[in-house]
Amino acid sequence: ELAELPDEQKKTAATKAAVAAHRQVRRDVRPLQKRLRMYRMEEWLLDKIYNIVKKADDREYREAAEAYLDLTIGKAAWPVGIGCGGSMLMEDAIGLHDRFNRNAQVKDISYALNDEVTRKFVQALKRLMNSAQKHWPPQDPSKLAN
C-alpha cells in the first residue's frame, strides 16, 4: 500500500512515519522468524505467541489482544494499596510472606521481556496484529480489539 501511494503523498510526514514503522516491524520480526526456523525458542513463549497468532488468524482480535497482554504483563494480581503519599510501605501492606507465595505460583515472564530483542519482536507482533485487524476485519464488530 505504501509503495502504491502517489509521489506527493509519499512526501508527507504521516506517510514517512508509516514507512518508518513498516521498516521497523520488518526489522524487529526477523529475530522471531530466525528463532522459529532454528527451533530456538522457550516453550512457554512459543505457546503464548502461538495463542496470539491463532486467535488473530481466526479474526478473534479482542482475544488475541488479551493473549498479548497475558504475554507482556501476565495474569499476576497487581498489588493494590496505599499510594506513594502514604506512610506505609507496600511490602508492609501486602505482607512479606504473601508476596513470596504469590510470586512462587505465578510464572515470572518479566525476565524474558527484559531482553531487548524479545521485547522488540513481541511489540512487532502486536503491530502485525493491528495491521491484520485493519486488512481482515472480523464479521462481528465485537471481536475487534480497541
Protein backbone atom coordinates (compact mmCIF):
# COMPACT_ATOMS: atom_id res chain seq x y z
CA GLU A 1 0.00 0.00 0.00
CA LEU A 2 2.73 2.44 0.91
CA ALA A 3 4.61 1.82 -2.34
CA GLU A 4 1.47 2.48 -4.41
CA LEU A 5 0.84 5.93 -2.93
CA PRO A 6 1.24 8.95 -5.23
CA ASP A 7 4.59 10.76 -5.03
CA GLU A 8 3.05 13.87 -3.45
CA GLN A 9 1.56 11.81 -0.64
CA LYS A 10 4.82 9.91 -0.06
CA LYS A 11 6.47 13.17 0.97
CA THR A 12 4.03 13.86 3.83
CA ALA A 13 5.10 13.38 7.42
CA ALA A 14 2.36 10.82 8.09
CA THR A 15 3.46 8.64 5.18
CA LYS A 16 7.11 8.90 6.18
CA ALA A 17 6.17 7.81 9.71
CA ALA A 18 4.16 4.88 8.33
CA VAL A 19 7.09 3.81 6.14
CA ALA A 20 9.46 4.04 9.11
CA ALA A 21 7.07 1.95 11.26
CA HIS A 22 6.80 -0.63 8.47
CA ARG A 23 10.58 -0.91 8.20
CA GLN A 24 10.92 -1.18 11.96
CA VAL A 25 8.39 -4.04 12.15
CA ARG A 26 10.14 -5.88 9.33
CA ARG A 27 13.47 -5.47 11.11
CA ASP A 28 12.15 -6.40 14.56
CA VAL A 29 10.29 -9.53 13.45
CA ARG A 30 13.37 -11.11 11.84
CA PRO A 31 14.77 -12.48 15.14
CA LEU A 32 11.40 -14.15 15.80
CA GLN A 33 11.47 -15.75 12.36
CA LYS A 34 15.05 -16.91 12.91
CA ARG A 35 14.27 -18.41 16.33
CA LEU A 36 11.27 -20.23 14.88
CA ARG A 37 13.30 -21.53 11.94
CA MET A 38 16.09 -22.77 14.19
CA TYR A 39 13.77 -24.19 16.89
CA ARG A 40 15.41 -21.94 19.49
CA MET A 41 12.51 -20.52 21.45
CA GLU A 42 11.44 -21.20 25.00
CA GLU A 43 8.39 -23.46 25.00
CA TRP A 44 6.27 -21.22 27.23
CA LEU A 45 6.99 -18.22 24.96
CA LEU A 46 6.20 -20.25 21.87
CA ASP A 47 2.87 -21.33 23.40
CA LYS A 48 1.91 -17.75 24.18
CA ILE A 49 2.91 -16.49 20.71
CA TYR A 50 1.03 -19.37 19.09
CA ASN A 51 -2.06 -18.44 21.10
CA ILE A 52 -1.86 -14.83 19.87
CA VAL A 53 -1.28 -15.79 16.23
CA LYS A 54 -4.03 -18.45 16.25
CA LYS A 55 -6.62 -16.03 17.64
CA ALA A 56 -5.61 -13.31 15.19
CA ASP A 57 -5.79 -15.84 12.34
CA ASP A 58 -9.31 -16.74 13.46
CA ARG A 59 -10.11 -13.00 13.48
CA GLU A 60 -10.68 -13.05 17.22
CA TYR A 61 -8.72 -9.83 17.66
CA ARG A 62 -10.07 -8.97 21.11
CA GLU A 63 -9.00 -12.38 22.45
CA ALA A 64 -5.65 -12.02 20.66
CA ALA A 65 -5.13 -8.66 22.38
CA GLU A 66 -5.91 -10.28 25.74
CA ALA A 67 -3.39 -13.03 24.97
CA TYR A 68 -0.84 -10.33 24.10
CA LEU A 69 -1.45 -8.67 27.46
CA ASP A 70 -1.03 -12.05 29.13
CA LEU A 71 2.35 -12.36 27.42
CA THR A 72 3.53 -8.85 28.23
CA ILE A 73 2.28 -8.26 31.77
CA GLY A 74 0.98 -11.66 32.80
CA LYS A 75 -2.04 -12.57 34.88
CA ALA A 76 -0.47 -11.91 38.26
CA ALA A 77 -2.54 -9.99 40.74
CA TRP A 78 -1.35 -6.40 40.88
CA PRO A 79 -0.94 -5.13 44.42
CA VAL A 80 -3.47 -2.54 45.43
CA GLY A 81 -2.82 -0.48 48.49
CA ILE A 82 -1.76 2.86 49.78
CA GLY A 83 -0.34 5.15 47.14
CA CYS A 84 3.03 6.85 47.12
CA GLY A 85 1.89 9.52 49.56
CA GLY A 86 1.15 7.02 52.33
CA SER A 87 3.46 6.38 55.22
CA MET A 88 3.24 2.60 54.94
CA LEU A 89 5.42 0.61 52.53
CA MET A 90 3.75 -1.69 50.00
CA GLU A 91 5.64 -4.67 51.44
CA ASP A 92 4.09 -3.98 54.83
CA ALA A 93 0.60 -3.68 53.35
CA ILE A 94 0.83 -6.93 51.41
CA GLY A 95 2.87 -8.93 53.83
CA LEU A 96 6.27 -10.31 53.06
CA HIS A 97 5.19 -13.97 53.04
CA ASP A 98 2.17 -13.33 50.84
CA ARG A 99 4.41 -11.68 48.28
CA PHE A 100 6.81 -14.63 48.12
CA ASN A 101 3.97 -17.16 47.93
CA ARG A 102 2.24 -15.27 45.14
CA ASN A 103 5.47 -14.98 43.16
CA ALA A 104 6.09 -18.72 43.52
CA GLN A 105 2.69 -19.53 41.99
CA VAL A 106 2.92 -17.18 39.00
CA LYS A 107 5.41 -17.82 36.21
CA ASP A 108 7.68 -14.79 36.03
CA ILE A 109 7.84 -13.55 32.45
CA SER A 110 9.43 -10.20 33.11
CA TYR A 111 12.97 -11.55 32.67
CA ALA A 112 12.21 -12.61 29.08
CA LEU A 113 10.87 -9.22 28.07
CA ASN A 114 13.94 -7.55 29.58
CA ASP A 115 15.78 -8.98 26.60
CA GLU A 116 15.72 -6.16 24.04
CA VAL A 117 15.39 -8.46 21.01
CA THR A 118 12.47 -10.40 22.51
CA ARG A 119 10.71 -7.21 23.59
CA LYS A 120 11.03 -5.78 20.08
CA PHE A 121 9.62 -8.82 18.29
CA VAL A 122 6.75 -9.06 20.77
CA GLN A 123 5.92 -5.41 20.03
CA ALA A 124 6.24 -6.11 16.30
CA LEU A 125 3.78 -8.96 16.75
CA LYS A 126 1.28 -6.50 18.24
CA ARG A 127 1.74 -4.13 15.29
CA LEU A 128 1.21 -7.01 12.86
CA MET A 129 -1.93 -7.98 14.75
CA ASN A 130 -3.25 -4.40 14.43
CA SER A 131 -2.45 -4.42 10.72
CA ALA A 132 -4.24 -7.75 10.24
CA GLN A 133 -7.29 -6.32 12.02
CA LYS A 134 -7.32 -3.40 9.58
CA HIS A 135 -6.93 -5.56 6.46
CA TRP A 136 -9.08 -8.53 7.52
CA PRO A 137 -11.78 -7.23 9.86
CA PRO A 138 -14.00 -9.78 11.63
CA GLN A 139 -17.63 -10.25 10.66
CA ASP A 140 -18.69 -9.48 14.22
CA PRO A 141 -17.58 -5.97 15.33
CA SER A 142 -17.48 -7.13 18.96
CA LYS A 143 -14.38 -9.19 18.11
CA LEU A 144 -12.37 -6.06 17.28
CA ALA A 145 -9.59 -5.03 19.65
CA ASN A 146 -9.58 -1.42 20.78
